Amino acid sequence: MEISRIQRISRVEADKRWWDINVPRFKCPNPSMEAVYDYRWEVVYRHLRYASAKIGYVATEFCTMEDTWSGKYGAISCPAELQLNELRWLRDARYASDFLRYWLCEREGYAHNYSWSIGKAAQEVCCVLGDWRLPEEHLADLIWHQEQWDIGRVRYPNDRGYDPYRGLYWNTGRDSSGEFNLASCQLDEKLRGIEGYKIRGGAGYRPDVNANMYGNLQAIAHFAHRVGDTALEEHYQARADALRRRVLSELWDSRRSFFMHRWRYDEYAQDDVPGQKSIREYSFSWDTNCLNQGGTGFQQGQRGILHGRELSSYWLWQYDMIPVDSDIDYDVAWKALRDPAIFEAPYGPCSAEQADPWFSVIYGECRMNGDSWPLLTSRTLTALKHTLQTRSISHVSRRDFSELMDTYTRTQRKNGRPYCAESHDPYRPCWTVDREEGRHYFHSSYCDLIITGLAGIVPREDDVFQLHPLFPENWPYMALENLRYHGRDLSIYWDADGSRYGLGAGLTVLANSQVLLHLKDAWQTHYARLPDNTTALREVYLPDGLADLAVNNDSAAYPRVYASTEGNGLLSRIQNGRIWFQDGPANAWTSAGSANAEDSITLELAAPAAIREIRFCLYENADEEVALPEEVSFSIYCNSGWQPAIRFAQALCGRTVHRLHLNVNSVRKIRMNLRHKAGFQVGLIEWEVWGYIAKE
């Protein structure tokens, strides 16, 4: 059931000014798609975290917890590539640049907790920003990261690396983000003697990890070319070419017309007997272990039949590993995507082949042997989009992409509103994993698929604009506005009969308000030279060159905050760099229990600073008897002592970011004074102080 426009989610979950400046606007005849598009930008906003003055912004996976498996500040490598694909379309380039720099400079091992292609992610970001300096400056870091993948971690629970004998990379499905995948489900934990081996075991030469590593190798070769290092370029290009040949020759199974997992070791399968491992090294899934009963849940009638397909194999197409001129029709694998016996489902695609003996849909556990995962769906749609835009293929079409986008949109709902949790039932409108900490889960992409898929922008390195739309032919209109691409302002309009936008019938692309393309037929590849970048600098949400001097995520002595009352004891939350406005556990401090008519919070800096702007987000919750204050004012302590209080004169409201522009130097302390509304407490979500620390 489609939701009406009046039911579309309101933009109250993100700061309005941030939204107006940063977010590309999308209009189409599908109100559900519009609503999910808007909601997914709210998801992005919830997960942006200002880490530190040195790091800048990162993106988190969960917005209510620190993860033991994540990197510093709550960033996690598993979805980082998809997160960067979203962030690159924000108008202010600092978000994507900061987050990419964070991963390039990360040295504590978190970047390698899950396989992903940091090099390909860097290319994708640069192709939108039009600025290649960051990865060029960090080429040595990219090489270091690849060397860590080559070395690997050959110990439980991490089992991955490069096998020079096979010429392939291996890892476990878990390390490709696939707990309880079709391979690991076959294992016998008791005989192996390792509890949890069904989650973290099953090492193999998997298509997904080899796709990611190919992306890295290709990217390093590309960046080496850009900086003029011919020897380095040739070395990594040769490695990429060799890996591609091995994947095509060793992981393609012509019987199943699919790229398959090959086992790294001899393994005990479920219900084996001691000393007799029925899974044989380097066999495909189900090539061995065909004679056993299979254990609990095993479907006897399907034992040993050629199943075992996993959705993550489609990642190979995302990285251009599949040749267009081969004698083997590798593209036939795409037929499985729309096959109801394999991946197709009402809320799919399924993460694994439905006919496989170990396929299942389980509630409350992270499983990729059946459930529908937005992570895998968005990666598959990214690969499908890229395939349709770069090659002629008969097994899938533009219609398949738009229909799967409809399915993906329909999946992201709960209680009649846009929503995204961790995993979904492929057959019913229910989330299978919907934990408190996983609400509004940022583990996938969606907006990027609208922009680069349906609207059809194909990001490039040069200043040639390329467009290949995939939106349905029966759409009477579509609009995408407020895009920043290669430093130009872009808008795309489809108007079937010319009655809506006043630009004539057909497809119109504006660059810096000038017509770049006007075409009657939208559904093919179009090219145009971008105009010279002579427009004025854009307005940015983030003050150029300034840092948030209030944030303290590193438990440093300064900056420190203290209040006139202990309240709920969560004062550190107002300087953790996170802003979200949602029900449930609040990321906020309140003056709970205070008998004062006015409470104050004082920020003390480590050194004198030049302050240019104060931002603050107020918290209100009637159930907690927390209301907006009657008045907010600021007192500033400089070298000469406390200055007269500055009253914040604008209207106070919740679910927004208030700003006070200042120009004060030599600031050591700032005190925020909050006057209570009668009968209520006050609350604060975040306090940002933008400025410069004085140089010694």
Foldseek 3Di string as FASTA:
>chain_A
DADDLVPQDDLLWAFPVQCVQWPWQKDFPRSLLNSLLSLLVSLQQQQWFQAFQVLGIAGAQFNPDADPLADPLRHAQLQLLQSLLVQLFTNDLCHSLSHLLCLLPDDPCRNQQAAAASLLSLVSSCLFQLDNVSCLVSLVSLVVVLVDQQVFDCDPLWHWHADPVLLAIKTAVVSNVAFQAPQLLFADCVLVVHPSSSGRPQMWRALQNLLNSLSSLQSSLVSCVVVPNNVRNVVSVVSSVSSLVSQVVQQQDPVLLAGFTFTQAQGATPPDDHPDRQRHHRDTVLPTPQPDPRDPQFDNVCGSPPFHDFLSNLLNLLNVSDDQPDPDPSVLVVLQCCDPQQQDFLQARQRTGNSHRSADQAAPDRHRSGWHFQLSLQSNLSSVQSDAAPHDDDSDHLVVSQVSLVSNSQQQDDPHHGWDFGTPHRYDNGGRHHDPRRTSGPNHHNNSCVVCEQQNFDRDNDQKTKGAHSHDPPIQKMKIFSTAGNNWGKIKIAHQQCPPPVPGHGIFMDTNNHTFDGDNDRHHMDIGGHDPNPDDDRDDPDPPPKTFQQADSPPDPPFDKDKPACAPVLVNLQRRRGDTADPDDASKGWRPPDPDQKMKMKTFGPFWWWFFKKKWAWDADVVSQADAFPWKWKWWQAPVGIDDIGTDPDDDDHSHMDMDGDGDTRTGMMMIMGGHDPRGIIMTRYMTTITGGDDD
